[in-house]
Amino acid sequence: MSHDALLDFEYDAEERAVLVFRSVEQEIGKIDDDRSRTTVERDGNTVSVRVEAEDLIALRAALNTWQTLVGVAETVAETGDSVRKPSL
């Protein structure tokens, strides 16, 4: 593949990184197509998404997809946090 990009998402707590990682890793292999491939890894508080693509259009599309997936995982995690915390 001729183009690639690395997205690193750093979190305050390793627990949050694990939650986001587990949420998005299950999409590996389901979204990839003939023009792009993605890997997801976690190291401590950081989740890394590497996208490789045949062309820039495929790279942009894959990056948009994975950024959205991570964003949804973060939003759901934040919603869960607010539900667990008692309101004053």
PDB file of N, CA and C in Angstrom:
ATOM      1  N   MET A   1       0.851  -1.162   0.000  1.00  0.00           N
ATOM      2  CA  MET A   1       0.000   0.000   0.000  1.00  0.00           C
ATOM      3  C   MET A   1       0.904   1.233   0.000  1.00  0.00           C
ATOM      4  N   SER A   2       0.499   2.237  -0.713  1.00  0.00           N
ATOM      5  CA  SER A   2       1.406   3.354  -0.935  1.00  0.00           C
ATOM      6  C   SER A   2       1.209   4.551  -0.006  1.00  0.00           C
ATOM      7  N   HIS A   3       0.111   4.587   0.744  1.00  0.00           N
ATOM      8  CA  HIS A   3      -0.140   5.697   1.660  1.00  0.00           C
ATOM      9  C   HIS A   3      -0.492   5.132   3.031  1.00  0.00           C
ATOM     10  N   ASP A   4      -0.070   5.859   4.083  1.00  0.00           N
ATOM     11  CA  ASP A   4      -0.453   5.418   5.417  1.00  0.00           C
ATOM     12  C   ASP A   4      -0.540   6.605   6.360  1.00  0.00           C
ATOM     13  N   ALA A   5      -1.263   6.390   7.449  1.00  0.00           N
ATOM     14  CA  ALA A   5      -1.412   7.419   8.476  1.00  0.00           C
ATOM     15  C   ALA A   5      -1.547   6.719   9.818  1.00  0.00           C
ATOM     16  N   LEU A   6      -1.055   7.380  10.854  1.00  0.00           N
ATOM     17  CA  LEU A   6      -1.137   6.855  12.214  1.00  0.00           C
ATOM     18  C   LEU A   6      -1.878   7.870  13.073  1.00  0.00           C
ATOM     19  N   LEU A   7      -2.939   7.411  13.730  1.00  0.00           N
ATOM     20  CA  LEU A   7      -3.693   8.247  14.656  1.00  0.00           C
ATOM     21  C   LEU A   7      -3.448   7.726  16.062  1.00  0.00           C
ATOM     22  N   ASP A   8      -2.979   8.576  16.961  1.00  0.00           N
ATOM     23  CA  ASP A   8      -2.784   8.210  18.357  1.00  0.00           C
ATOM     24  C   ASP A   8      -3.806   8.953  19.205  1.00  0.00           C
ATOM     25  N   PHE A   9      -4.529   8.211  20.025  1.00  0.00           N
ATOM     26  CA  PHE A   9      -5.521   8.779  20.929  1.00  0.00           C
ATOM     27  C   PHE A   9      -5.043   8.488  22.348  1.00  0.00           C
ATOM     28  N   GLU A  10      -4.706   9.547  23.090  1.00  0.00           N
ATOM     29  CA  GLU A  10      -4.164   9.394  24.433  1.00  0.00           C
ATOM     30  C   GLU A  10      -5.239   9.739  25.467  1.00  0.00           C
ATOM     31  N   TYR A  11      -5.336   8.923  26.502  1.00  0.00           N
ATOM     32  CA  TYR A  11      -6.364   9.082  27.526  1.00  0.00           C
ATOM     33  C   TYR A  11      -5.737   9.291  28.894  1.00  0.00           C
ATOM     34  N   ASP A  12      -6.506   9.891  29.788  1.00  0.00           N
ATOM     35  CA  ASP A  12      -6.014  10.153  31.145  1.00  0.00           C
ATOM     36  C   ASP A  12      -5.823   8.878  31.948  1.00  0.00           C
ATOM     37  N   ALA A  13      -6.635   7.870  31.639  1.00  0.00           N
ATOM     38  CA  ALA A  13      -6.572   6.622  32.398  1.00  0.00           C
ATOM     39  C   ALA A  13      -6.461   5.432  31.450  1.00  0.00           C
ATOM     40  N   GLU A  14      -5.681   4.452  31.876  1.00  0.00           N
ATOM     41  CA  GLU A  14      -5.520   3.249  31.070  1.00  0.00           C
ATOM     42  C   GLU A  14      -6.857   2.526  30.897  1.00  0.00           C
ATOM     43  N   GLU A  15      -7.705   2.601  31.908  1.00  0.00           N
ATOM     44  CA  GLU A  15      -9.029   1.973  31.832  1.00  0.00           C
ATOM     45  C   GLU A  15      -9.825   2.506  30.640  1.00  0.00           C
ATOM     46  N   ARG A  16      -9.743   3.820  30.410  1.00  0.00           N
ATOM     47  CA  ARG A  16     -10.462   4.417  29.278  1.00  0.00           C
ATOM     48  C   ARG A  16      -9.853   3.948  27.958  1.00  0.00           C
ATOM     49  N   ALA A  17      -8.533   3.861  27.889  1.00  0.00           N
ATOM     50  CA  ALA A  17      -7.880   3.385  26.666  1.00  0.00           C
ATOM     51  C   ALA A  17      -8.288   1.946  26.363  1.00  0.00           C
ATOM     52  N   VAL A  18      -8.370   1.111  27.393  1.00  0.00           N
ATOM     53  CA  VAL A  18      -8.782  -0.276  27.211  1.00  0.00           C
ATOM     54  C   VAL A  18     -10.213  -0.326  26.682  1.00  0.00           C
ATOM     55  N   LEU A  19     -11.094   0.475  27.239  1.00  0.00           N
ATOM     56  CA  LEU A  19     -12.490   0.501  26.816  1.00  0.00           C
ATOM     57  C   LEU A  19     -12.623   0.921  25.353  1.00  0.00           C
ATOM     58  N   VAL A  20     -11.933   1.992  24.972  1.00  0.00           N
ATOM     59  CA  VAL A  20     -11.988   2.452  23.579  1.00  0.00           C
ATOM     60  C   VAL A  20     -11.369   1.408  22.654  1.00  0.00           C
ATOM     61  N   PHE A  21     -10.236   0.868  23.044  1.00  0.00           N
ATOM     62  CA  PHE A  21      -9.565  -0.149  22.228  1.00  0.00           C
ATOM     63  C   PHE A  21     -10.471  -1.344  21.986  1.00  0.00           C
ATOM     64  N   ARG A  22     -11.068  -1.861  23.030  1.00  0.00           N
ATOM     65  CA  ARG A  22     -11.944  -3.033  22.887  1.00  0.00           C
ATOM     66  C   ARG A  22     -13.171  -2.721  22.038  1.00  0.00           C
ATOM     67  N   SER A  23     -13.633  -1.490  22.118  1.00  0.00           N
ATOM     68  CA  SER A  23     -14.803  -1.095  21.329  1.00  0.00           C
ATOM     69  C   SER A  23     -14.508  -1.073  19.839  1.00  0.00           C
ATOM     70  N   VAL A  24     -13.330  -0.572  19.469  1.00  0.00           N
ATOM     71  CA  VAL A  24     -13.047  -0.419  18.033  1.00  0.00           C
ATOM     72  C   VAL A  24     -12.315  -1.608  17.420  1.00  0.00           C
ATOM     73  N   GLU A  25     -11.585  -2.372  18.225  1.00  0.00           N
ATOM     74  CA  GLU A  25     -10.800  -3.468  17.655  1.00  0.00           C
ATOM     75  C   GLU A  25     -11.675  -4.528  16.993  1.00  0.00           C
ATOM     76  N   GLN A  26     -12.903  -4.669  17.467  1.00  0.00           N
ATOM     77  CA  GLN A  26     -13.771  -5.682  16.887  1.00  0.00           C
ATOM     78  C   GLN A  26     -14.207  -5.352  15.459  1.00  0.00           C
ATOM     79  N   GLU A  27     -13.955  -4.135  15.020  1.00  0.00           N
ATOM     80  CA  GLU A  27     -14.289  -3.740  13.647  1.00  0.00           C
ATOM     81  C   GLU A  27     -13.187  -4.098  12.649  1.00  0.00           C
ATOM     82  N   ILE A  28     -12.015  -4.473  13.145  1.00  0.00           N
ATOM     83  CA  ILE A  28     -10.916  -4.855  12.254  1.00  0.00           C
ATOM     84  C   ILE A  28     -11.365  -6.027  11.386  1.00  0.00           C
ATOM     85  N   GLY A  29     -11.115  -5.898  10.098  1.00  0.00           N
ATOM     86  CA  GLY A  29     -11.488  -6.954   9.162  1.00  0.00           C
ATOM     87  C   GLY A  29     -12.899  -6.839   8.634  1.00  0.00           C
ATOM     88  N   LYS A  30     -13.745  -6.075   9.308  1.00  0.00           N
ATOM     89  CA  LYS A  30     -15.124  -5.912   8.857  1.00  0.00           C
ATOM     90  C   LYS A  30     -15.283  -4.689   7.969  1.00  0.00           C
ATOM     91  N   ILE A  31     -14.412  -3.718   8.155  1.00  0.00           N
ATOM     92  CA  ILE A  31     -14.518  -2.461   7.411  1.00  0.00           C
ATOM     93  C   ILE A  31     -13.516  -2.398   6.263  1.00  0.00           C
ATOM     94  N   ASP A  32     -12.376  -3.046   6.410  1.00  0.00           N
ATOM     95  CA  ASP A  32     -11.344  -2.997   5.373  1.00  0.00           C
ATOM     96  C   ASP A  32     -11.907  -3.441   4.024  1.00  0.00           C
ATOM     97  N   ASP A  33     -11.311  -2.904   2.977  1.00  0.00           N
ATOM     98  CA  ASP A  33     -11.702  -3.314   1.633  1.00  0.00           C
ATOM     99  C   ASP A  33     -10.440  -3.578   0.813  1.00  0.00           C
ATOM    100  N   ASP A  34     -10.585  -3.681  -0.489  1.00  0.00           N
ATOM    101  CA  ASP A  34      -9.435  -3.966  -1.355  1.00  0.00           C
ATOM    102  C   ASP A  34      -8.415  -2.840  -1.375  1.00  0.00           C
ATOM    103  N   ARG A  35      -8.843  -1.621  -0.981  1.00  0.00           N
ATOM    104  CA  ARG A  35      -7.965  -0.459  -1.102  1.00  0.00           C
ATOM    105  C   ARG A  35      -7.371   0.027   0.211  1.00  0.00           C
ATOM    106  N   SER A  36      -7.813  -0.524   1.349  1.00  0.00           N
ATOM    107  CA  SER A  36      -7.258  -0.060   2.623  1.00  0.00           C
ATOM    108  C   SER A  36      -7.254  -1.173   3.660  1.00  0.00           C
ATOM    109  N   ARG A  37      -6.338  -1.038   4.610  1.00  0.00           N
ATOM    110  CA  ARG A  37      -6.194  -1.962   5.732  1.00  0.00           C
ATOM    111  C   ARG A  37      -5.938  -1.132   6.986  1.00  0.00           C
ATOM    112  N   THR A  38      -6.421  -1.635   8.110  1.00  0.00           N
ATOM    113  CA  THR A  38      -6.265  -0.905   9.371  1.00  0.00           C
ATOM    114  C   THR A  38      -5.830  -1.859  10.474  1.00  0.00           C
ATOM    115  N   THR A  39      -4.974  -1.357  11.366  1.00  0.00           N
ATOM    116  CA  THR A  39      -4.621  -2.081  12.577  1.00  0.00           C
ATOM    117  C   THR A  39      -4.882  -1.152  13.761  1.00  0.00           C
ATOM    118  N   VAL A  40      -5.242  -1.755  14.886  1.00  0.00           N
ATOM    119  CA  VAL A  40      -5.479  -1.003  16.115  1.00  0.00           C
ATOM    120  C   VAL A  40      -4.652  -1.650  17.213  1.00  0.00           C
ATOM    121  N   GLU A  41      -3.918  -0.826  17.961  1.00  0.00           N
ATOM    122  CA  GLU A  41      -3.093  -1.316  19.063  1.00  0.00           C
ATOM    123  C   GLU A  41      -3.279  -0.405  20.268  1.00  0.00           C
ATOM    124  N   ARG A  42      -2.951  -0.945  21.433  1.00  0.00           N
ATOM    125  CA  ARG A  42      -2.991  -0.137  22.647  1.00  0.00           C
ATOM    126  C   ARG A  42      -1.690  -0.327  23.400  1.00  0.00           C
ATOM    127  N   ASP A  43      -1.147   0.777  23.860  1.00  0.00           N
ATOM    128  CA  ASP A  43       0.051   0.755  24.699  1.00  0.00           C
ATOM    129  C   ASP A  43      -0.210   1.687  25.877  1.00  0.00           C
ATOM    130  N   GLY A  44      -0.519   1.113  27.015  1.00  0.00           N
ATOM    131  CA  GLY A  44      -0.826   1.938  28.185  1.00  0.00           C
ATOM    132  C   GLY A  44      -2.067   2.778  27.957  1.00  0.00           C
ATOM    133  N   ASN A  45      -1.909   4.096  28.025  1.00  0.00           N
ATOM    134  CA  ASN A  45      -3.025   5.031  27.889  1.00  0.00           C
ATOM    135  C   ASN A  45      -3.279   5.465  26.453  1.00  0.00           C
ATOM    136  N   THR A  46      -2.584   4.879  25.511  1.00  0.00           N
ATOM    137  CA  THR A  46      -2.688   5.321  24.118  1.00  0.00           C
ATOM    138  C   THR A  46      -3.250   4.224  23.229  1.00  0.00           C
ATOM    139  N   VAL A  47      -4.233   4.605  22.420  1.00  0.00           N
ATOM    140  CA  VAL A  47      -4.781   3.726  21.386  1.00  0.00           C
ATOM    141  C   VAL A  47      -4.276   4.260  20.054  1.00  0.00           C
ATOM    142  N   SER A  48      -3.667   3.373  19.267  1.00  0.00           N
ATOM    143  CA  SER A  48      -3.110   3.761  17.972  1.00  0.00           C
ATOM    144  C   SER A  48      -3.862   3.055  16.856  1.00  0.00           C
ATOM    145  N   VAL A  49      -4.255   3.852  15.862  1.00  0.00           N
ATOM    146  CA  VAL A  49      -4.940   3.329  14.685  1.00  0.00           C
ATOM    147  C   VAL A  49      -4.053   3.633  13.481  1.00  0.00           C
ATOM    148  N   ARG A  50      -3.595   2.597  12.794  1.00  0.00           N
ATOM    149  CA  ARG A  50      -2.773   2.779  11.593  1.00  0.00           C
ATOM    150  C   ARG A  50      -3.590   2.346  10.392  1.00  0.00           C
ATOM    151  N   VAL A  51      -3.696   3.263   9.427  1.00  0.00           N
ATOM    152  CA  VAL A  51      -4.429   2.997   8.197  1.00  0.00           C
ATOM    153  C   VAL A  51      -3.443   3.011   7.040  1.00  0.00           C
ATOM    154  N   GLU A  52      -3.500   1.980   6.216  1.00  0.00           N
ATOM    155  CA  GLU A  52      -2.711   1.907   4.992  1.00  0.00           C
ATOM    156  C   GLU A  52      -3.686   1.826   3.828  1.00  0.00           C
ATOM    157  N   ALA A  53      -3.393   2.562   2.756  1.00  0.00           N
ATOM    158  CA  ALA A  53      -4.327   2.603   1.634  1.00  0.00           C
ATOM    159  C   ALA A  53      -3.594   2.696   0.300  1.00  0.00           C
ATOM    160  N   GLU A  54      -4.269   2.231  -0.731  1.00  0.00           N
ATOM    161  CA  GLU A  54      -3.722   2.265  -2.088  1.00  0.00           C
ATOM    162  C   GLU A  54      -3.663   3.687  -2.640  1.00  0.00           C
ATOM    163  N   ASP A  55      -4.630   4.532  -2.265  1.00  0.00           N
ATOM    164  CA  ASP A  55      -4.709   5.886  -2.813  1.00  0.00           C
ATOM    165  C   ASP A  55      -5.208   6.845  -1.734  1.00  0.00           C
ATOM    166  N   LEU A  56      -5.080   8.133  -2.005  1.00  0.00           N
ATOM    167  CA  LEU A  56      -5.438   9.137  -1.008  1.00  0.00           C
ATOM    168  C   LEU A  56      -6.936   9.176  -0.707  1.00  0.00           C
ATOM    169  N   ILE A  57      -7.760   8.889  -1.687  1.00  0.00           N
ATOM    170  CA  ILE A  57      -9.208   8.885  -1.453  1.00  0.00           C
ATOM    171  C   ILE A  57      -9.574   7.770  -0.473  1.00  0.00           C
ATOM    172  N   ALA A  58      -9.018   6.598  -0.664  1.00  0.00           N
ATOM    173  CA  ALA A  58      -9.277   5.478   0.248  1.00  0.00           C
ATOM    174  C   ALA A  58      -8.715   5.770   1.637  1.00  0.00           C
ATOM    175  N   LEU A  59      -7.562   6.417   1.702  1.00  0.00           N
ATOM    176  CA  LEU A  59      -6.962   6.780   2.985  1.00  0.00           C
ATOM    177  C   LEU A  59      -7.874   7.747   3.737  1.00  0.00           C
ATOM    178  N   ARG A  60      -8.347   8.769   3.058  1.00  0.00           N
ATOM    179  CA  ARG A  60      -9.237   9.746   3.692  1.00  0.00           C
ATOM    180  C   ARG A  60     -10.520   9.084   4.183  1.00  0.00           C
ATOM    181  N   ALA A  61     -11.112   8.249   3.365  1.00  0.00           N
ATOM    182  CA  ALA A  61     -12.353   7.574   3.756  1.00  0.00           C
ATOM    183  C   ALA A  61     -12.141   6.685   4.978  1.00  0.00           C
ATOM    184  N   ALA A  62     -11.061   5.937   4.986  1.00  0.00           N
ATOM    185  CA  ALA A  62     -10.785   5.054   6.125  1.00  0.00           C
ATOM    186  C   ALA A  62     -10.499   5.866   7.386  1.00  0.00           C
ATOM    187  N   LEU A  63      -9.732   6.941   7.260  1.00  0.00           N
ATOM    188  CA  LEU A  63      -9.445   7.782   8.425  1.00  0.00           C
ATOM    189  C   LEU A  63     -10.733   8.373   8.999  1.00  0.00           C
ATOM    190  N   ASN A  64     -11.616   8.851   8.144  1.00  0.00           N
ATOM    191  CA  ASN A  64     -12.898   9.385   8.614  1.00  0.00           C
ATOM    192  C   ASN A  64     -13.688   8.318   9.360  1.00  0.00           C
ATOM    193  N   THR A  65     -13.711   7.116   8.815  1.00  0.00           N
ATOM    194  CA  THR A  65     -14.446   6.022   9.454  1.00  0.00           C
ATOM    195  C   THR A  65     -13.881   5.710  10.832  1.00  0.00           C
ATOM    196  N   TRP A  66     -12.579   5.553  10.937  1.00  0.00           N
ATOM    197  CA  TRP A  66     -11.965   5.165  12.208  1.00  0.00           C
ATOM    198  C   TRP A  66     -12.021   6.285  13.236  1.00  0.00           C
ATOM    199  N   GLN A  67     -11.881   7.539  12.798  1.00  0.00           N
ATOM    200  CA  GLN A  67     -12.027   8.648  13.740  1.00  0.00           C
ATOM    201  C   GLN A  67     -13.449   8.691  14.292  1.00  0.00           C
ATOM    202  N   THR A  68     -14.420   8.410  13.442  1.00  0.00           N
ATOM    203  CA  THR A  68     -15.809   8.373  13.898  1.00  0.00           C
ATOM    204  C   THR A  68     -16.026   7.241  14.891  1.00  0.00           C
ATOM    205  N   LEU A  69     -15.492   6.054  14.596  1.00  0.00           N
ATOM    206  CA  LEU A  69     -15.646   4.918  15.509  1.00  0.00           C
ATOM    207  C   LEU A  69     -15.032   5.215  16.879  1.00  0.00           C
ATOM    208  N   VAL A  70     -13.847   5.795  16.896  1.00  0.00           N
ATOM    209  CA  VAL A  70     -13.207   6.148  18.164  1.00  0.00           C
ATOM    210  C   VAL A  70     -14.034   7.215  18.878  1.00  0.00           C
ATOM    211  N   GLY A  71     -14.521   8.192  18.142  1.00  0.00           N
ATOM    212  CA  GLY A  71     -15.347   9.248  18.740  1.00  0.00           C
ATOM    213  C   GLY A  71     -16.610   8.705  19.378  1.00  0.00           C
ATOM    214  N   VAL A  72     -17.256   7.758  18.721  1.00  0.00           N
ATOM    215  CA  VAL A  72     -18.456   7.136  19.285  1.00  0.00           C
ATOM    216  C   VAL A  72     -18.103   6.372  20.558  1.00  0.00           C
ATOM    217  N   ALA A  73     -17.011   5.631  20.537  1.00  0.00           N
ATOM    218  CA  ALA A  73     -16.587   4.889  21.733  1.00  0.00           C
ATOM    219  C   ALA A  73     -16.317   5.849  22.887  1.00  0.00           C
ATOM    220  N   GLU A  74     -15.681   6.986  22.607  1.00  0.00           N
ATOM    221  CA  GLU A  74     -15.397   7.973  23.648  1.00  0.00           C
ATOM    222  C   GLU A  74     -16.696   8.567  24.200  1.00  0.00           C
ATOM    223  N   THR A  75     -17.636   8.889  23.324  1.00  0.00           N
ATOM    224  CA  THR A  75     -18.915   9.467  23.748  1.00  0.00           C
ATOM    225  C   THR A  75     -19.704   8.501  24.622  1.00  0.00           C
ATOM    226  N   VAL A  76     -19.735   7.245  24.220  1.00  0.00           N
ATOM    227  CA  VAL A  76     -20.447   6.239  25.009  1.00  0.00           C
ATOM    228  C   VAL A  76     -19.786   6.070  26.375  1.00  0.00           C
ATOM    229  N   ALA A  77     -18.464   6.063  26.409  1.00  0.00           N
ATOM    230  CA  ALA A  77     -17.748   5.929  27.681  1.00  0.00           C
ATOM    231  C   ALA A  77     -18.048   7.125  28.593  1.00  0.00           C
ATOM    232  N   GLU A  78     -18.059   8.326  28.031  1.00  0.00           N
ATOM    233  CA  GLU A  78     -18.357   9.524  28.822  1.00  0.00           C
ATOM    234  C   GLU A  78     -19.796   9.497  29.333  1.00  0.00           C
ATOM    235  N   THR A  79     -20.714   9.031  28.507  1.00  0.00           N
ATOM    236  CA  THR A  79     -22.116   8.915  28.923  1.00  0.00           C
ATOM    237  C   THR A  79     -22.233   7.929  30.075  1.00  0.00           C
ATOM    238  N   GLY A  80     -21.510   6.808  29.950  1.00  0.00           N
ATOM    239  CA  GLY A  80     -21.509   5.836  31.034  1.00  0.00           C
ATOM    240  C   GLY A  80     -20.974   6.403  32.321  1.00  0.00           C
ATOM    241  N   ASP A  81     -19.937   7.233  32.212  1.00  0.00           N
ATOM    242  CA  ASP A  81     -19.377   7.878  33.409  1.00  0.00           C
ATOM    243  C   ASP A  81     -20.409   8.766  34.078  1.00  0.00           C
ATOM    244  N   SER A  82     -21.137   9.544  33.293  1.00  0.00           N
ATOM    245  CA  SER A  82     -22.112  10.475  33.875  1.00  0.00           C
ATOM    246  C   SER A  82     -23.299   9.735  34.488  1.00  0.00           C
ATOM    247  N   VAL A  83     -23.635   8.578  33.966  1.00  0.00           N
ATOM    248  CA  VAL A  83     -24.729   7.782  34.523  1.00  0.00           C
ATOM    249  C   VAL A  83     -24.324   7.163  35.856  1.00  0.00           C
ATOM    250  N   ARG A  84     -23.070   6.763  35.959  1.00  0.00           N
ATOM    251  CA  ARG A  84     -22.576   6.122  37.190  1.00  0.00           C
ATOM    252  C   ARG A  84     -22.367   7.104  38.326  1.00  0.00           C
ATOM    253  N   LYS A  85     -22.127   8.373  38.001  1.00  0.00           N
ATOM    254  CA  LYS A  85     -21.878   9.372  39.040  1.00  0.00           C
ATOM    255  C   LYS A  85     -23.224   9.930  39.537  1.00  0.00           C
ATOM    256  N   PRO A  86     -23.432   9.917  40.837  1.00  0.00           N
ATOM    257  CA  PRO A  86     -24.685  10.473  41.340  1.00  0.00           C
ATOM    258  C   PRO A  86     -24.709  11.988  41.149  1.00  0.00           C
ATOM    259  N   SER A  87     -25.849  12.509  40.759  1.00  0.00           N
ATOM    260  CA  SER A  87     -25.963  13.962  40.595  1.00  0.00           C
ATOM    261  C   SER A  87     -26.262  14.602  41.949  1.00  0.00           C
ATOM    262  N   LEU A  88     -25.773  15.804  42.101  1.00  0.00           N
ATOM    263  CA  LEU A  88     -25.936  16.516  43.384  1.00  0.00           C
ATOM    264  C   LEU A  88     -27.148  17.395  43.342  1.00  0.00           C
TER     265      LEU A  88
END
